[in-house]
Amino acid sequence: MSVKALLEELRAARVVPVLRTRERRHAETAARWLREAGLGVLEITLTIPDALSLIRTLTAEPGLIVGAGTVHSAGAAEACLAAGARFIVAPWVDPALAAPCRAAGAALMLGALTPTEVRAALAAGADVVKIFPASSAGGPSHIRALASVFPAVAFCPTGGISPSDVPAYLAAGAAFLGMGGALVDEARIAAGDRFAILAAAKAALETA
């Protein structure tokens, strides 16, 4: 799949769950439940213990697009791509991540908040600019302001977004959204509350 085709898949998905748990087994359970709810894209953050093994396991599932988040170096990006990740995400600007992504034909999402940072992310090779933390920076109104200056840029706001926020972000100009805690509540996962996770995921899909 080309980067262009991958970005179209992400736009169509609209919501990208961001899995960040203290225990790998909780992330694996969350991934299974989110898949059951109908979500076909997952971002596995490298803060999860043994994240590479989880990426490798999930990429074996047909029809699932898996990316790696909080990628801190070119070496980490290469390891994630070798494990099967189709996109690499960092909440900051790191030009060193571009070369591994280009070599693997994967998409790169770099984090930014201000217009200057958006320019820096694009110059560093970002295919998508991740706006983080979105909710505390002004929410949809901040995305609308950035999109007015950068109409051709694919923005992915992440951070503090709930299912009810999705329509406002998309209307403001977001290409798609990253959603973490609202979908992946580790306390509920640890308690085996499958219903709550499924309900949140289905709410996100419905609002999208």
N, C-alpha and C. Protein backbone atom coordinates (compact mmCIF):
# COMPACT_ATOMS: atom_id res chain seq x y z
N MET A 1 0.85 -1.20 0.00
CA MET A 1 0.00 0.00 0.00
C MET A 1 0.88 1.24 0.00
N SER A 2 0.61 2.17 -0.91
CA SER A 2 1.37 3.41 -0.97
C SER A 2 1.01 4.32 0.19
N VAL A 3 1.85 5.31 0.43
CA VAL A 3 1.56 6.28 1.49
C VAL A 3 0.26 7.01 1.19
N LYS A 4 0.05 7.36 -0.07
CA LYS A 4 -1.18 8.05 -0.45
C LYS A 4 -2.40 7.19 -0.14
N ALA A 5 -2.33 5.91 -0.50
CA ALA A 5 -3.45 5.01 -0.24
C ALA A 5 -3.66 4.81 1.26
N LEU A 6 -2.57 4.75 2.00
CA LEU A 6 -2.67 4.60 3.45
C LEU A 6 -3.36 5.81 4.07
N LEU A 7 -3.00 7.00 3.62
CA LEU A 7 -3.63 8.21 4.16
C LEU A 7 -5.12 8.24 3.84
N GLU A 8 -5.49 7.73 2.69
CA GLU A 8 -6.92 7.65 2.35
C GLU A 8 -7.63 6.68 3.30
N GLU A 9 -6.96 5.60 3.65
CA GLU A 9 -7.53 4.65 4.61
C GLU A 9 -7.71 5.30 5.98
N LEU A 10 -6.74 6.10 6.39
CA LEU A 10 -6.83 6.77 7.69
C LEU A 10 -7.93 7.82 7.67
N ARG A 11 -8.06 8.52 6.56
CA ARG A 11 -9.15 9.50 6.44
C ARG A 11 -10.50 8.81 6.52
N ALA A 12 -10.59 7.66 5.87
CA ALA A 12 -11.85 6.92 5.88
C ALA A 12 -12.17 6.39 7.27
N ALA A 13 -11.14 5.99 8.02
CA ALA A 13 -11.34 5.48 9.37
C ALA A 13 -11.79 6.58 10.32
N ARG A 14 -11.29 7.80 10.11
CA ARG A 14 -11.63 8.99 10.88
C ARG A 14 -11.12 8.97 12.32
N VAL A 15 -11.17 7.83 12.97
CA VAL A 15 -10.71 7.73 14.36
C VAL A 15 -9.61 6.68 14.46
N VAL A 16 -8.46 7.08 15.02
CA VAL A 16 -7.34 6.17 15.24
C VAL A 16 -7.16 5.99 16.75
N PRO A 17 -7.50 4.82 17.29
CA PRO A 17 -7.28 4.59 18.72
C PRO A 17 -5.79 4.59 19.04
N VAL A 18 -5.42 5.30 20.10
CA VAL A 18 -4.03 5.35 20.55
C VAL A 18 -3.93 4.51 21.82
N LEU A 19 -3.24 3.38 21.73
CA LEU A 19 -3.14 2.48 22.87
C LEU A 19 -1.89 2.82 23.67
N ARG A 20 -2.13 3.19 24.94
CA ARG A 20 -1.03 3.50 25.85
C ARG A 20 -1.40 2.92 27.22
N THR A 21 -0.87 1.77 27.52
CA THR A 21 -1.18 1.10 28.78
C THR A 21 0.11 0.73 29.52
N ARG A 22 -0.03 0.53 30.81
CA ARG A 22 1.14 0.15 31.60
C ARG A 22 1.48 -1.32 31.45
N GLU A 23 0.50 -2.12 31.03
CA GLU A 23 0.73 -3.56 30.87
C GLU A 23 0.39 -3.98 29.45
N ARG A 24 1.24 -4.81 28.88
CA ARG A 24 1.04 -5.26 27.50
C ARG A 24 -0.28 -6.02 27.36
N ARG A 25 -0.60 -6.85 28.33
CA ARG A 25 -1.82 -7.66 28.22
C ARG A 25 -3.07 -6.78 28.15
N HIS A 26 -3.03 -5.62 28.80
CA HIS A 26 -4.17 -4.72 28.73
C HIS A 26 -4.29 -4.11 27.33
N ALA A 27 -3.15 -3.80 26.73
CA ALA A 27 -3.16 -3.26 25.37
C ALA A 27 -3.68 -4.31 24.39
N GLU A 28 -3.28 -5.54 24.59
CA GLU A 28 -3.72 -6.62 23.71
C GLU A 28 -5.23 -6.83 23.84
N THR A 29 -5.72 -6.77 25.06
CA THR A 29 -7.17 -6.89 25.27
C THR A 29 -7.91 -5.73 24.63
N ALA A 30 -7.40 -4.52 24.83
CA ALA A 30 -8.03 -3.34 24.23
C ALA A 30 -8.07 -3.46 22.71
N ALA A 31 -6.97 -3.90 22.12
CA ALA A 31 -6.92 -4.06 20.67
C ALA A 31 -7.99 -5.04 20.20
N ARG A 32 -8.16 -6.13 20.92
CA ARG A 32 -9.15 -7.12 20.53
C ARG A 32 -10.57 -6.55 20.61
N TRP A 33 -10.85 -5.83 21.67
CA TRP A 33 -12.20 -5.27 21.84
C TRP A 33 -12.47 -4.16 20.84
N LEU A 34 -11.47 -3.33 20.56
CA LEU A 34 -11.65 -2.26 19.58
C LEU A 34 -11.89 -2.84 18.18
N ARG A 35 -11.18 -3.91 17.87
CA ARG A 35 -11.41 -4.60 16.61
C ARG A 35 -12.83 -5.13 16.54
N GLU A 36 -13.28 -5.70 17.65
CA GLU A 36 -14.64 -6.24 17.71
C GLU A 36 -15.68 -5.15 17.47
N ALA A 37 -15.38 -3.94 17.92
CA ALA A 37 -16.30 -2.82 17.75
C ALA A 37 -16.32 -2.29 16.32
N GLY A 38 -15.32 -2.66 15.52
CA GLY A 38 -15.31 -2.25 14.12
C GLY A 38 -14.20 -1.28 13.75
N LEU A 39 -13.28 -1.01 14.67
CA LEU A 39 -12.17 -0.10 14.36
C LEU A 39 -11.04 -0.88 13.69
N GLY A 40 -10.55 -0.35 12.58
CA GLY A 40 -9.57 -1.08 11.78
C GLY A 40 -8.18 -0.48 11.74
N VAL A 41 -7.94 0.56 12.56
CA VAL A 41 -6.62 1.18 12.64
C VAL A 41 -6.26 1.30 14.12
N LEU A 42 -5.02 0.97 14.45
CA LEU A 42 -4.56 1.08 15.84
C LEU A 42 -3.17 1.70 15.87
N GLU A 43 -2.95 2.58 16.83
CA GLU A 43 -1.61 3.10 17.09
C GLU A 43 -1.12 2.51 18.40
N ILE A 44 -0.01 1.79 18.33
CA ILE A 44 0.58 1.15 19.51
C ILE A 44 1.77 1.99 19.96
N THR A 45 1.67 2.60 21.12
CA THR A 45 2.76 3.47 21.58
C THR A 45 3.90 2.64 22.17
N LEU A 46 5.09 3.15 21.99
CA LEU A 46 6.27 2.43 22.48
C LEU A 46 6.44 2.52 23.99
N THR A 47 5.56 3.23 24.66
CA THR A 47 5.58 3.24 26.12
C THR A 47 4.97 1.96 26.69
N ILE A 48 4.28 1.17 25.87
CA ILE A 48 3.74 -0.12 26.30
C ILE A 48 4.89 -1.12 26.40
N PRO A 49 4.98 -1.86 27.49
CA PRO A 49 6.03 -2.88 27.58
C PRO A 49 5.93 -3.90 26.44
N ASP A 50 7.06 -4.22 25.85
CA ASP A 50 7.11 -5.19 24.76
C ASP A 50 6.22 -4.78 23.60
N ALA A 51 6.23 -3.48 23.30
CA ALA A 51 5.36 -2.95 22.24
C ALA A 51 5.67 -3.56 20.88
N LEU A 52 6.94 -3.81 20.59
CA LEU A 52 7.30 -4.36 19.28
C LEU A 52 6.67 -5.72 19.05
N SER A 53 6.65 -6.54 20.09
CA SER A 53 6.02 -7.85 19.98
C SER A 53 4.53 -7.71 19.70
N LEU A 54 3.89 -6.75 20.34
CA LEU A 54 2.47 -6.52 20.13
C LEU A 54 2.20 -6.04 18.71
N ILE A 55 3.03 -5.13 18.21
CA ILE A 55 2.90 -4.66 16.83
C ILE A 55 3.01 -5.83 15.87
N ARG A 56 4.00 -6.68 16.11
CA ARG A 56 4.21 -7.84 15.24
C ARG A 56 3.00 -8.78 15.25
N THR A 57 2.43 -8.97 16.43
CA THR A 57 1.25 -9.84 16.55
C THR A 57 0.05 -9.25 15.82
N LEU A 58 -0.18 -7.96 16.02
CA LEU A 58 -1.37 -7.32 15.44
C LEU A 58 -1.28 -7.19 13.94
N THR A 59 -0.10 -6.97 13.41
CA THR A 59 0.03 -6.79 11.95
C THR A 59 -0.25 -8.08 11.20
N ALA A 60 -0.28 -9.19 11.91
CA ALA A 60 -0.60 -10.47 11.26
C ALA A 60 -2.10 -10.60 11.02
N GLU A 61 -2.91 -9.72 11.61
CA GLU A 61 -4.36 -9.80 11.44
C GLU A 61 -4.77 -9.16 10.11
N PRO A 62 -5.51 -9.87 9.29
CA PRO A 62 -5.94 -9.33 8.00
C PRO A 62 -6.83 -8.10 8.19
N GLY A 63 -6.59 -7.09 7.35
CA GLY A 63 -7.45 -5.92 7.36
C GLY A 63 -7.17 -4.91 8.45
N LEU A 64 -6.17 -5.15 9.28
CA LEU A 64 -5.85 -4.23 10.37
C LEU A 64 -4.62 -3.40 10.01
N ILE A 65 -4.74 -2.09 10.13
CA ILE A 65 -3.60 -1.18 9.91
C ILE A 65 -3.03 -0.80 11.27
N VAL A 66 -1.76 -1.06 11.45
CA VAL A 66 -1.10 -0.82 12.74
C VAL A 66 0.01 0.20 12.57
N GLY A 67 0.04 1.17 13.47
CA GLY A 67 1.12 2.14 13.48
C GLY A 67 1.81 2.14 14.84
N ALA A 68 2.93 2.81 14.92
CA ALA A 68 3.68 2.91 16.17
C ALA A 68 3.72 4.36 16.62
N GLY A 69 3.47 4.59 17.91
CA GLY A 69 3.46 5.94 18.44
C GLY A 69 4.53 6.18 19.47
N THR A 70 4.78 7.46 19.75
CA THR A 70 5.83 7.89 20.67
C THR A 70 7.16 7.27 20.27
N VAL A 71 7.47 7.36 18.99
CA VAL A 71 8.71 6.79 18.46
C VAL A 71 9.82 7.81 18.64
N HIS A 72 10.83 7.43 19.38
CA HIS A 72 11.81 8.40 19.88
C HIS A 72 13.11 8.48 19.11
N SER A 73 13.32 7.61 18.12
CA SER A 73 14.58 7.65 17.38
C SER A 73 14.43 6.94 16.05
N ALA A 74 15.40 7.15 15.16
CA ALA A 74 15.38 6.47 13.87
C ALA A 74 15.50 4.97 14.06
N GLY A 75 16.33 4.55 15.02
CA GLY A 75 16.48 3.13 15.30
C GLY A 75 15.19 2.50 15.76
N ALA A 76 14.45 3.21 16.62
CA ALA A 76 13.15 2.70 17.08
C ALA A 76 12.16 2.63 15.93
N ALA A 77 12.21 3.62 15.04
CA ALA A 77 11.33 3.61 13.87
C ALA A 77 11.62 2.40 13.00
N GLU A 78 12.90 2.14 12.76
CA GLU A 78 13.28 0.99 11.93
C GLU A 78 12.78 -0.32 12.54
N ALA A 79 12.88 -0.44 13.86
CA ALA A 79 12.42 -1.65 14.54
C ALA A 79 10.90 -1.81 14.41
N CYS A 80 10.18 -0.71 14.55
CA CYS A 80 8.73 -0.75 14.42
C CYS A 80 8.30 -1.11 13.00
N LEU A 81 8.99 -0.54 12.03
CA LEU A 81 8.67 -0.82 10.63
C LEU A 81 8.98 -2.27 10.29
N ALA A 82 10.07 -2.78 10.83
CA ALA A 82 10.42 -4.18 10.61
C ALA A 82 9.39 -5.11 11.24
N ALA A 83 8.75 -4.64 12.33
CA ALA A 83 7.71 -5.43 12.99
C ALA A 83 6.38 -5.36 12.25
N GLY A 84 6.27 -4.46 11.27
CA GLY A 84 5.06 -4.39 10.46
C GLY A 84 4.28 -3.09 10.56
N ALA A 85 4.77 -2.11 11.32
CA ALA A 85 4.05 -0.84 11.44
C ALA A 85 3.97 -0.16 10.08
N ARG A 86 2.79 0.43 9.79
CA ARG A 86 2.58 1.11 8.52
C ARG A 86 2.68 2.63 8.65
N PHE A 87 2.66 3.12 9.86
CA PHE A 87 2.89 4.55 10.06
C PHE A 87 3.62 4.75 11.39
N ILE A 88 4.39 5.83 11.43
CA ILE A 88 5.22 6.17 12.59
C ILE A 88 4.76 7.52 13.11
N VAL A 89 4.59 7.61 14.43
CA VAL A 89 4.08 8.84 15.05
C VAL A 89 5.02 9.30 16.16
N ALA A 90 5.29 10.59 16.18
CA ALA A 90 6.01 11.21 17.29
C ALA A 90 5.29 12.50 17.64
N PRO A 91 5.13 12.81 18.92
CA PRO A 91 4.43 14.04 19.31
C PRO A 91 5.33 15.28 19.25
N TRP A 92 6.41 15.17 18.55
CA TRP A 92 7.37 16.27 18.39
C TRP A 92 7.91 16.22 16.97
N VAL A 93 8.78 17.16 16.62
CA VAL A 93 9.41 17.18 15.29
C VAL A 93 10.77 16.53 15.38
N ASP A 94 10.96 15.45 14.63
CA ASP A 94 12.25 14.75 14.59
C ASP A 94 12.55 14.38 13.14
N PRO A 95 13.40 15.16 12.48
CA PRO A 95 13.71 14.90 11.07
C PRO A 95 14.33 13.53 10.82
N ALA A 96 14.93 12.92 11.86
CA ALA A 96 15.59 11.62 11.69
C ALA A 96 14.61 10.50 11.40
N LEU A 97 13.33 10.72 11.66
CA LEU A 97 12.34 9.67 11.44
C LEU A 97 11.92 9.54 9.98
N ALA A 98 12.20 10.54 9.17
CA ALA A 98 11.73 10.55 7.79
C ALA A 98 12.39 9.47 6.95
N ALA A 99 13.71 9.31 7.06
CA ALA A 99 14.41 8.36 6.19
C ALA A 99 13.93 6.92 6.36
N PRO A 100 13.78 6.42 7.59
CA PRO A 100 13.27 5.05 7.73
C PRO A 100 11.87 4.89 7.14
N CYS A 101 11.03 5.89 7.31
CA CYS A 101 9.68 5.81 6.76
C CYS A 101 9.70 5.79 5.24
N ARG A 102 10.50 6.63 4.64
CA ARG A 102 10.59 6.67 3.18
C ARG A 102 11.11 5.34 2.65
N ALA A 103 12.11 4.79 3.31
CA ALA A 103 12.69 3.52 2.86
C ALA A 103 11.68 2.38 2.93
N ALA A 104 10.78 2.45 3.90
CA ALA A 104 9.80 1.38 4.09
C ALA A 104 8.47 1.67 3.40
N GLY A 105 8.32 2.86 2.81
CA GLY A 105 7.05 3.23 2.20
C GLY A 105 5.96 3.44 3.22
N ALA A 106 6.34 3.91 4.41
CA ALA A 106 5.39 4.13 5.50
C ALA A 106 5.12 5.62 5.67
N ALA A 107 4.01 5.94 6.31
CA ALA A 107 3.65 7.33 6.55
C ALA A 107 4.28 7.83 7.85
N LEU A 108 4.56 9.12 7.89
CA LEU A 108 5.16 9.75 9.06
C LEU A 108 4.24 10.85 9.59
N MET A 109 3.96 10.79 10.87
CA MET A 109 3.18 11.83 11.55
C MET A 109 4.06 12.46 12.61
N LEU A 110 4.28 13.76 12.49
CA LEU A 110 5.08 14.48 13.47
C LEU A 110 4.22 15.51 14.20
N GLY A 111 4.53 15.71 15.47
CA GLY A 111 3.72 16.58 16.31
C GLY A 111 4.07 18.04 16.20
N ALA A 112 3.04 18.86 16.36
CA ALA A 112 3.22 20.32 16.32
C ALA A 112 2.06 20.96 17.04
N LEU A 113 2.21 22.25 17.32
CA LEU A 113 1.13 22.98 17.98
C LEU A 113 0.92 24.35 17.35
N THR A 114 2.01 25.01 16.99
CA THR A 114 1.93 26.36 16.43
C THR A 114 2.20 26.33 14.92
N PRO A 115 1.88 27.42 14.20
CA PRO A 115 2.21 27.48 12.77
C PRO A 115 3.69 27.25 12.49
N THR A 116 4.55 27.79 13.33
CA THR A 116 5.99 27.59 13.14
C THR A 116 6.34 26.11 13.25
N GLU A 117 5.73 25.42 14.22
CA GLU A 117 6.00 24.00 14.40
C GLU A 117 5.41 23.17 13.26
N VAL A 118 4.26 23.59 12.75
CA VAL A 118 3.68 22.90 11.60
C VAL A 118 4.63 22.99 10.41
N ARG A 119 5.18 24.17 10.16
CA ARG A 119 6.17 24.33 9.08
C ARG A 119 7.37 23.44 9.31
N ALA A 120 7.82 23.37 10.53
CA ALA A 120 8.99 22.55 10.85
C ALA A 120 8.69 21.07 10.63
N ALA A 121 7.48 20.64 11.00
CA ALA A 121 7.10 19.24 10.81
C ALA A 121 7.06 18.89 9.32
N LEU A 122 6.50 19.78 8.52
CA LEU A 122 6.44 19.54 7.08
C LEU A 122 7.84 19.50 6.47
N ALA A 123 8.69 20.41 6.91
CA ALA A 123 10.07 20.45 6.40
C ALA A 123 10.83 19.19 6.80
N ALA A 124 10.44 18.59 7.93
CA ALA A 124 11.11 17.38 8.41
C ALA A 124 10.59 16.12 7.73
N GLY A 125 9.59 16.27 6.85
CA GLY A 125 9.12 15.13 6.09
C GLY A 125 7.79 14.54 6.52
N ALA A 126 7.04 15.25 7.36
CA ALA A 126 5.76 14.72 7.84
C ALA A 126 4.74 14.61 6.71
N ASP A 127 4.06 13.47 6.66
CA ASP A 127 2.93 13.30 5.75
C ASP A 127 1.65 13.80 6.41
N VAL A 128 1.63 13.71 7.73
CA VAL A 128 0.51 14.17 8.55
C VAL A 128 1.08 14.95 9.71
N VAL A 129 0.42 16.03 10.10
CA VAL A 129 0.86 16.79 11.27
C VAL A 129 -0.08 16.48 12.43
N LYS A 130 0.47 15.91 13.46
CA LYS A 130 -0.29 15.56 14.66
C LYS A 130 -0.33 16.79 15.57
N ILE A 131 -1.52 17.28 15.86
CA ILE A 131 -1.65 18.43 16.75
C ILE A 131 -1.89 17.91 18.16
N PHE A 132 -0.88 18.08 19.00
CA PHE A 132 -0.92 17.52 20.35
C PHE A 132 -0.29 18.52 21.33
N PRO A 133 -0.93 18.72 22.49
CA PRO A 133 -2.23 18.19 22.92
C PRO A 133 -3.37 19.08 22.40
N ALA A 134 -4.30 18.49 21.69
CA ALA A 134 -5.31 19.26 20.96
C ALA A 134 -6.31 19.96 21.88
N SER A 135 -6.84 19.24 22.86
CA SER A 135 -7.93 19.81 23.66
C SER A 135 -7.47 20.99 24.49
N SER A 136 -6.28 20.91 25.07
CA SER A 136 -5.81 21.99 25.92
C SER A 136 -5.25 23.16 25.13
N ALA A 137 -5.06 22.97 23.80
CA ALA A 137 -4.53 24.04 22.95
C ALA A 137 -5.63 24.86 22.30
N GLY A 138 -6.89 24.51 22.56
CA GLY A 138 -7.98 25.27 21.97
C GLY A 138 -9.00 24.42 21.24
N GLY A 139 -8.75 23.11 21.16
CA GLY A 139 -9.72 22.21 20.56
C GLY A 139 -10.00 22.49 19.10
N PRO A 140 -11.23 22.28 18.64
CA PRO A 140 -11.57 22.47 17.22
C PRO A 140 -11.26 23.87 16.69
N SER A 141 -11.39 24.88 17.53
CA SER A 141 -11.11 26.24 17.05
C SER A 141 -9.64 26.40 16.69
N HIS A 142 -8.76 25.71 17.41
CA HIS A 142 -7.33 25.76 17.09
C HIS A 142 -7.07 25.06 15.75
N ILE A 143 -7.71 23.92 15.54
CA ILE A 143 -7.56 23.20 14.27
C ILE A 143 -8.08 24.05 13.11
N ARG A 144 -9.21 24.71 13.32
CA ARG A 144 -9.78 25.56 12.27
C ARG A 144 -8.81 26.69 11.89
N ALA A 145 -8.19 27.27 12.90
CA ALA A 145 -7.24 28.36 12.63
C ALA A 145 -6.03 27.86 11.85
N LEU A 146 -5.50 26.70 12.24
CA LEU A 146 -4.35 26.15 11.53
C LEU A 146 -4.72 25.75 10.11
N ALA A 147 -5.90 25.13 9.95
CA ALA A 147 -6.32 24.69 8.62
C ALA A 147 -6.54 25.86 7.68
N SER A 148 -6.90 27.02 8.22
CA SER A 148 -7.09 28.18 7.35
C SER A 148 -5.77 28.67 6.76
N VAL A 149 -4.69 28.42 7.49
CA VAL A 149 -3.36 28.83 7.02
C VAL A 149 -2.70 27.72 6.20
N PHE A 150 -3.02 26.46 6.54
CA PHE A 150 -2.42 25.30 5.87
C PHE A 150 -3.55 24.41 5.31
N PRO A 151 -4.26 24.87 4.29
CA PRO A 151 -5.43 24.13 3.80
C PRO A 151 -5.10 22.76 3.19
N ALA A 152 -3.87 22.56 2.76
CA ALA A 152 -3.51 21.30 2.11
C ALA A 152 -2.91 20.28 3.08
N VAL A 153 -2.75 20.66 4.34
CA VAL A 153 -2.10 19.78 5.31
C VAL A 153 -3.12 18.85 5.96
N ALA A 154 -2.73 17.59 6.10
CA ALA A 154 -3.56 16.62 6.82
C ALA A 154 -3.25 16.73 8.31
N PHE A 155 -4.22 17.19 9.08
CA PHE A 155 -4.04 17.35 10.53
C PHE A 155 -4.70 16.20 11.27
N CYS A 156 -4.01 15.71 12.28
CA CYS A 156 -4.56 14.68 13.16
C CYS A 156 -4.48 15.18 14.60
N PRO A 157 -5.53 15.84 15.09
CA PRO A 157 -5.52 16.27 16.49
C PRO A 157 -5.62 15.07 17.42
N THR A 158 -4.88 15.14 18.51
CA THR A 158 -4.84 14.06 19.50
C THR A 158 -4.67 14.67 20.88
N GLY A 159 -5.26 14.04 21.87
CA GLY A 159 -5.07 14.50 23.24
C GLY A 159 -6.33 15.09 23.83
N GLY A 160 -6.98 14.33 24.73
CA GLY A 160 -8.16 14.82 25.41
C GLY A 160 -9.42 14.84 24.57
N ILE A 161 -9.45 14.04 23.50
CA ILE A 161 -10.61 14.02 22.61
C ILE A 161 -11.56 12.88 23.00
N SER A 162 -12.83 13.18 23.08
CA SER A 162 -13.85 12.19 23.40
C SER A 162 -14.72 11.94 22.18
N PRO A 163 -15.50 10.86 22.16
CA PRO A 163 -16.36 10.58 21.00
C PRO A 163 -17.27 11.74 20.62
N SER A 164 -17.80 12.45 21.59
CA SER A 164 -18.71 13.56 21.27
C SER A 164 -18.01 14.73 20.59
N ASP A 165 -16.67 14.78 20.68
CA ASP A 165 -15.89 15.87 20.07
C ASP A 165 -15.62 15.64 18.58
N VAL A 166 -15.78 14.41 18.13
CA VAL A 166 -15.34 14.04 16.78
C VAL A 166 -15.95 14.92 15.70
N PRO A 167 -17.26 15.13 15.66
CA PRO A 167 -17.82 15.95 14.57
C PRO A 167 -17.24 17.36 14.50
N ALA A 168 -17.03 17.97 15.65
CA ALA A 168 -16.51 19.34 15.67
C ALA A 168 -15.09 19.41 15.11
N TYR A 169 -14.27 18.41 15.45
CA TYR A 169 -12.89 18.40 14.94
C TYR A 169 -12.87 18.16 13.43
N LEU A 170 -13.70 17.24 12.96
CA LEU A 170 -13.73 16.98 11.52
C LEU A 170 -14.25 18.20 10.77
N ALA A 171 -15.26 18.85 11.32
CA ALA A 171 -15.80 20.05 10.67
C ALA A 171 -14.79 21.19 10.66
N ALA A 172 -13.90 21.20 11.64
CA ALA A 172 -12.88 22.25 11.74
C ALA A 172 -11.74 22.05 10.76
N GLY A 173 -11.65 20.86 10.16
CA GLY A 173 -10.61 20.63 9.18
C GLY A 173 -9.67 19.49 9.47
N ALA A 174 -9.91 18.72 10.53
CA ALA A 174 -9.07 17.56 10.82
C ALA A 174 -9.28 16.49 9.76
N ALA A 175 -8.19 15.84 9.35
CA ALA A 175 -8.30 14.74 8.40
C ALA A 175 -8.83 13.49 9.11
N PHE A 176 -8.35 13.27 10.31
CA PHE A 176 -8.80 12.19 11.18
C PHE A 176 -8.27 12.52 12.57
N LEU A 177 -8.66 11.70 13.57
CA LEU A 177 -8.31 12.04 14.95
C LEU A 177 -7.65 10.86 15.66
N GLY A 178 -6.79 11.18 16.59
CA GLY A 178 -6.25 10.17 17.50
C GLY A 178 -7.02 10.25 18.80
N MET A 179 -7.42 9.09 19.32
CA MET A 179 -8.20 9.07 20.55
C MET A 179 -7.62 8.03 21.50
N GLY A 180 -7.19 8.48 22.68
CA GLY A 180 -6.55 7.59 23.62
C GLY A 180 -7.42 7.17 24.78
N GLY A 181 -7.36 7.95 25.87
CA GLY A 181 -8.02 7.57 27.10
C GLY A 181 -9.51 7.36 27.00
N ALA A 182 -10.17 8.06 26.09
CA ALA A 182 -11.62 7.90 25.95
C ALA A 182 -11.99 6.52 25.41
N LEU A 183 -11.05 5.88 24.70
CA LEU A 183 -11.28 4.55 24.16
C LEU A 183 -10.56 3.47 24.94
N VAL A 184 -9.40 3.80 25.45
CA VAL A 184 -8.54 2.81 26.10
C VAL A 184 -8.37 3.19 27.57
N ASP A 185 -9.39 2.92 28.36
CA ASP A 185 -9.37 3.19 29.79
C ASP A 185 -8.80 1.95 30.48
N GLU A 186 -7.55 2.04 30.94
CA GLU A 186 -6.88 0.85 31.45
C GLU A 186 -7.55 0.27 32.69
N ALA A 187 -8.13 1.14 33.52
CA ALA A 187 -8.81 0.63 34.71
C ALA A 187 -9.99 -0.25 34.32
N ARG A 188 -10.73 0.17 33.31
CA ARG A 188 -11.87 -0.62 32.86
C ARG A 188 -11.42 -1.89 32.16
N ILE A 189 -10.32 -1.80 31.44
CA ILE A 189 -9.79 -2.99 30.78
C ILE A 189 -9.34 -4.00 31.83
N ALA A 190 -8.61 -3.52 32.84
CA ALA A 190 -8.14 -4.41 33.90
C ALA A 190 -9.30 -5.08 34.63
N ALA A 191 -10.41 -4.35 34.73
CA ALA A 191 -11.60 -4.88 35.41
C ALA A 191 -12.41 -5.80 34.51
N GLY A 192 -12.00 -5.92 33.24
CA GLY A 192 -12.73 -6.77 32.31
C GLY A 192 -14.02 -6.17 31.80
N ASP A 193 -14.11 -4.83 31.84
CA ASP A 193 -15.34 -4.15 31.44
C ASP A 193 -15.38 -4.00 29.92
N ARG A 194 -15.57 -5.10 29.24
CA ARG A 194 -15.62 -5.11 27.77
C ARG A 194 -16.73 -4.21 27.26
N PHE A 195 -17.87 -4.22 27.93
CA PHE A 195 -19.01 -3.44 27.46
C PHE A 195 -18.67 -1.96 27.37
N ALA A 196 -17.97 -1.42 28.37
CA ALA A 196 -17.63 0.01 28.38
C ALA A 196 -16.72 0.37 27.21
N ILE A 197 -15.75 -0.49 26.93
CA ILE A 197 -14.82 -0.21 25.83
C ILE A 197 -15.55 -0.30 24.49
N LEU A 198 -16.40 -1.31 24.33
CA LEU A 198 -17.17 -1.45 23.10
C LEU A 198 -18.10 -0.26 22.91
N ALA A 199 -18.73 0.19 24.00
CA ALA A 199 -19.66 1.32 23.91
C ALA A 199 -18.94 2.59 23.49
N ALA A 200 -17.76 2.84 24.07
CA ALA A 200 -16.99 4.03 23.70
C ALA A 200 -16.55 3.98 22.25
N ALA A 201 -16.10 2.80 21.81
CA ALA A 201 -15.66 2.65 20.44
C ALA A 201 -16.81 2.85 19.45
N LYS A 202 -17.95 2.27 19.76
CA LYS A 202 -19.10 2.41 18.88
C LYS A 202 -19.60 3.85 18.85
N ALA A 203 -19.50 4.54 19.99
CA ALA A 203 -19.89 5.95 20.03
C ALA A 203 -18.97 6.78 19.14
N ALA A 204 -17.69 6.47 19.16
CA ALA A 204 -16.74 7.19 18.31
C ALA A 204 -17.04 6.95 16.84
N LEU A 205 -17.34 5.72 16.49
CA LEU A 205 -17.66 5.40 15.10
C LEU A 205 -18.94 6.08 14.65
N GLU A 206 -19.93 6.10 15.52
CA GLU A 206 -21.21 6.72 15.17
C GLU A 206 -21.09 8.23 14.97
N THR A 207 -20.34 8.89 15.84
CA THR A 207 -20.18 10.34 15.69
C THR A 207 -19.31 10.69 14.50
N ALA A 208 -18.41 9.77 14.12
CA ALA A 208 -17.54 10.02 12.97
C ALA A 208 -18.29 9.83 11.67
